[in-house]
Amino acid sequence: MKPESILELHLKSALSKCSSPGSPQRLHMAMHHAVFPGGARIRPRLCLAIADSFDNYDKNLAIAAAVAIEFLHCA
């Protein structure tokens, strides 16, 4: 799977965790609209590239940081 696809999958997963059954639908729609459809996703890709430049790194932590960076950018 391409790194871009993996990132998109993690973005969707993180966004779904933000909306609980009792959360306002309009809020979820606004968050989804802010993040998707995305652009080039340069910031999270740069984050992952920097993490990948190290020999020993926590891939899950790097992905979580990349997702957080993209969410902050879209806010």
N, C-alpha and C. Protein backbone atom coordinates (compact mmCIF):
# COMPACT_ATOMS: atom_id res chain seq x y z
N MET A 1 0.84 -1.18 0.00
CA MET A 1 0.00 0.00 0.00
C MET A 1 0.89 1.24 0.00
N LYS A 2 0.51 2.24 -0.78
CA LYS A 2 1.28 3.47 -0.88
C LYS A 2 1.23 4.24 0.44
N PRO A 3 2.30 4.98 0.76
CA PRO A 3 2.29 5.78 1.99
C PRO A 3 1.12 6.77 2.03
N GLU A 4 0.74 7.32 0.88
CA GLU A 4 -0.38 8.26 0.84
C GLU A 4 -1.67 7.57 1.25
N SER A 5 -1.85 6.35 0.79
CA SER A 5 -3.06 5.59 1.12
C SER A 5 -3.09 5.25 2.60
N ILE A 6 -1.94 4.89 3.14
CA ILE A 6 -1.86 4.57 4.56
C ILE A 6 -2.20 5.80 5.39
N LEU A 7 -1.69 6.94 4.98
CA LEU A 7 -1.97 8.19 5.69
C LEU A 7 -3.46 8.51 5.64
N GLU A 8 -4.07 8.38 4.47
CA GLU A 8 -5.50 8.64 4.34
C GLU A 8 -6.31 7.71 5.24
N LEU A 9 -5.92 6.46 5.29
CA LEU A 9 -6.60 5.49 6.13
C LEU A 9 -6.53 5.89 7.60
N HIS A 10 -5.36 6.33 8.03
CA HIS A 10 -5.19 6.74 9.43
C HIS A 10 -5.93 8.05 9.72
N LEU A 11 -5.99 8.95 8.75
CA LEU A 11 -6.76 10.18 8.94
C LEU A 11 -8.24 9.85 9.11
N LYS A 12 -8.77 8.96 8.29
CA LYS A 12 -10.18 8.57 8.40
C LYS A 12 -10.45 7.88 9.73
N SER A 13 -9.53 7.03 10.15
CA SER A 13 -9.69 6.32 11.41
C SER A 13 -9.69 7.29 12.59
N ALA A 14 -8.76 8.23 12.58
CA ALA A 14 -8.68 9.21 13.67
C ALA A 14 -9.92 10.10 13.70
N LEU A 15 -10.40 10.48 12.54
CA LEU A 15 -11.60 11.32 12.48
C LEU A 15 -12.82 10.57 12.99
N SER A 16 -12.90 9.29 12.68
CA SER A 16 -14.05 8.51 13.15
C SER A 16 -14.03 8.35 14.67
N LYS A 17 -12.84 8.34 15.27
CA LYS A 17 -12.74 8.26 16.73
C LYS A 17 -13.17 9.56 17.40
N CYS A 18 -13.14 10.65 16.65
CA CYS A 18 -13.52 11.96 17.21
C CYS A 18 -15.03 12.13 17.29
N SER A 19 -15.77 11.35 16.56
CA SER A 19 -17.22 11.51 16.56
C SER A 19 -17.86 10.32 17.25
N SER A 20 -18.51 10.61 18.34
CA SER A 20 -19.23 9.58 19.07
C SER A 20 -20.70 9.63 18.64
N PRO A 21 -21.47 8.60 19.00
CA PRO A 21 -22.89 8.58 18.60
C PRO A 21 -23.66 9.82 19.06
N GLY A 22 -23.25 10.42 20.16
CA GLY A 22 -23.98 11.59 20.67
C GLY A 22 -23.44 12.92 20.18
N SER A 23 -22.40 12.90 19.38
CA SER A 23 -21.82 14.17 18.92
C SER A 23 -22.67 14.79 17.82
N PRO A 24 -22.65 16.11 17.73
CA PRO A 24 -23.46 16.78 16.70
C PRO A 24 -23.02 16.39 15.29
N GLN A 25 -23.98 16.05 14.46
CA GLN A 25 -23.70 15.64 13.09
C GLN A 25 -23.04 16.76 12.30
N ARG A 26 -23.48 18.00 12.53
CA ARG A 26 -22.90 19.13 11.80
C ARG A 26 -21.43 19.32 12.12
N LEU A 27 -21.06 19.06 13.37
CA LEU A 27 -19.65 19.17 13.76
C LEU A 27 -18.83 18.12 13.02
N HIS A 28 -19.32 16.90 12.99
CA HIS A 28 -18.61 15.84 12.28
C HIS A 28 -18.49 16.17 10.79
N MET A 29 -19.55 16.67 10.21
CA MET A 29 -19.51 17.03 8.79
C MET A 29 -18.51 18.15 8.54
N ALA A 30 -18.45 19.13 9.43
CA ALA A 30 -17.51 20.24 9.27
C ALA A 30 -16.07 19.75 9.39
N MET A 31 -15.82 18.86 10.34
CA MET A 31 -14.47 18.30 10.50
C MET A 31 -14.09 17.50 9.26
N HIS A 32 -15.01 16.71 8.76
CA HIS A 32 -14.74 15.91 7.57
C HIS A 32 -14.46 16.81 6.37
N HIS A 33 -15.24 17.87 6.24
CA HIS A 33 -15.06 18.80 5.12
C HIS A 33 -13.71 19.51 5.20
N ALA A 34 -13.23 19.78 6.41
CA ALA A 34 -11.95 20.46 6.58
C ALA A 34 -10.77 19.57 6.19
N VAL A 35 -10.92 18.27 6.40
CA VAL A 35 -9.80 17.34 6.18
C VAL A 35 -9.86 16.67 4.81
N PHE A 36 -11.08 16.36 4.34
CA PHE A 36 -11.23 15.64 3.06
C PHE A 36 -12.02 16.47 2.08
N PRO A 37 -11.76 16.52 0.83
CA PRO A 37 -10.62 15.89 0.19
C PRO A 37 -9.35 16.69 0.47
N GLY A 38 -8.29 15.98 0.65
CA GLY A 38 -7.04 16.63 1.02
C GLY A 38 -6.24 17.06 -0.19
N GLY A 39 -5.25 17.84 0.09
CA GLY A 39 -4.33 18.28 -0.96
C GLY A 39 -3.18 17.30 -1.06
N ALA A 40 -2.00 17.83 -1.14
CA ALA A 40 -0.82 16.98 -1.30
C ALA A 40 -0.37 16.34 0.01
N ARG A 41 -0.90 16.82 1.14
CA ARG A 41 -0.53 16.30 2.46
C ARG A 41 0.98 16.38 2.68
N ILE A 42 1.54 17.53 2.33
CA ILE A 42 2.98 17.72 2.43
C ILE A 42 3.45 17.64 3.88
N ARG A 43 2.75 18.27 4.80
CA ARG A 43 3.19 18.30 6.20
C ARG A 43 3.29 16.92 6.82
N PRO A 44 2.23 16.10 6.72
CA PRO A 44 2.37 14.76 7.31
C PRO A 44 3.37 13.88 6.56
N ARG A 45 3.47 14.06 5.26
CA ARG A 45 4.46 13.28 4.50
C ARG A 45 5.88 13.66 4.92
N LEU A 46 6.09 14.94 5.18
CA LEU A 46 7.40 15.40 5.64
C LEU A 46 7.70 14.82 7.02
N CYS A 47 6.70 14.80 7.87
CA CYS A 47 6.86 14.21 9.21
C CYS A 47 7.27 12.74 9.11
N LEU A 48 6.59 12.00 8.25
CA LEU A 48 6.92 10.58 8.08
C LEU A 48 8.29 10.39 7.44
N ALA A 49 8.66 11.26 6.53
CA ALA A 49 9.98 11.16 5.89
C ALA A 49 11.10 11.42 6.90
N ILE A 50 10.87 12.39 7.78
CA ILE A 50 11.88 12.67 8.81
C ILE A 50 12.00 11.48 9.75
N ALA A 51 10.87 10.93 10.17
CA ALA A 51 10.92 9.76 11.07
C ALA A 51 11.62 8.59 10.39
N ASP A 52 11.35 8.42 9.11
CA ASP A 52 11.93 7.32 8.35
C ASP A 52 13.44 7.47 8.17
N SER A 53 13.95 8.68 8.34
CA SER A 53 15.39 8.89 8.19
C SER A 53 16.18 8.34 9.37
N PHE A 54 15.49 7.99 10.45
CA PHE A 54 16.14 7.40 11.62
C PHE A 54 16.09 5.88 11.50
N ASP A 55 17.11 5.24 12.03
CA ASP A 55 17.19 3.79 11.96
C ASP A 55 16.12 3.10 12.80
N ASN A 56 15.93 3.59 14.00
CA ASN A 56 15.03 2.92 14.92
C ASN A 56 13.99 3.93 15.40
N TYR A 57 12.77 3.80 14.90
CA TYR A 57 11.70 4.71 15.31
C TYR A 57 10.40 3.94 15.43
N ASP A 58 9.50 4.50 16.19
CA ASP A 58 8.18 3.89 16.40
C ASP A 58 7.26 4.35 15.26
N LYS A 59 6.96 3.45 14.34
CA LYS A 59 6.16 3.79 13.17
C LYS A 59 4.77 4.29 13.56
N ASN A 60 4.15 3.67 14.55
CA ASN A 60 2.82 4.09 14.98
C ASN A 60 2.84 5.50 15.56
N LEU A 61 3.89 5.80 16.30
CA LEU A 61 4.02 7.14 16.86
C LEU A 61 4.24 8.17 15.76
N ALA A 62 5.02 7.83 14.76
CA ALA A 62 5.26 8.74 13.63
C ALA A 62 3.96 8.99 12.86
N ILE A 63 3.17 7.96 12.65
CA ILE A 63 1.89 8.13 11.95
C ILE A 63 0.94 8.98 12.78
N ALA A 64 0.89 8.74 14.08
CA ALA A 64 0.03 9.54 14.95
C ALA A 64 0.44 11.01 14.92
N ALA A 65 1.74 11.28 14.91
CA ALA A 65 2.22 12.66 14.82
C ALA A 65 1.85 13.28 13.48
N ALA A 66 1.99 12.52 12.41
CA ALA A 66 1.66 13.02 11.07
C ALA A 66 0.17 13.36 10.98
N VAL A 67 -0.68 12.51 11.53
CA VAL A 67 -2.12 12.75 11.54
C VAL A 67 -2.44 14.01 12.35
N ALA A 68 -1.81 14.14 13.50
CA ALA A 68 -2.05 15.32 14.35
C ALA A 68 -1.62 16.60 13.64
N ILE A 69 -0.50 16.55 12.95
CA ILE A 69 -0.02 17.72 12.21
C ILE A 69 -1.02 18.11 11.13
N GLU A 70 -1.55 17.12 10.43
CA GLU A 70 -2.52 17.42 9.36
C GLU A 70 -3.81 17.98 9.94
N PHE A 71 -4.27 17.43 11.06
CA PHE A 71 -5.48 17.96 11.69
C PHE A 71 -5.28 19.41 12.13
N LEU A 72 -4.13 19.70 12.72
CA LEU A 72 -3.85 21.08 13.14
C LEU A 72 -3.80 22.01 11.93
N HIS A 73 -3.22 21.55 10.86
CA HIS A 73 -3.14 22.36 9.65
C HIS A 73 -4.54 22.66 9.10
N CYS A 74 -5.41 21.68 9.16
CA CYS A 74 -6.75 21.83 8.60
C CYS A 74 -7.69 22.61 9.51
N ALA A 75 -7.31 22.78 10.78
CA ALA A 75 -8.19 23.46 11.75
C ALA A 75 -8.35 24.93 11.43
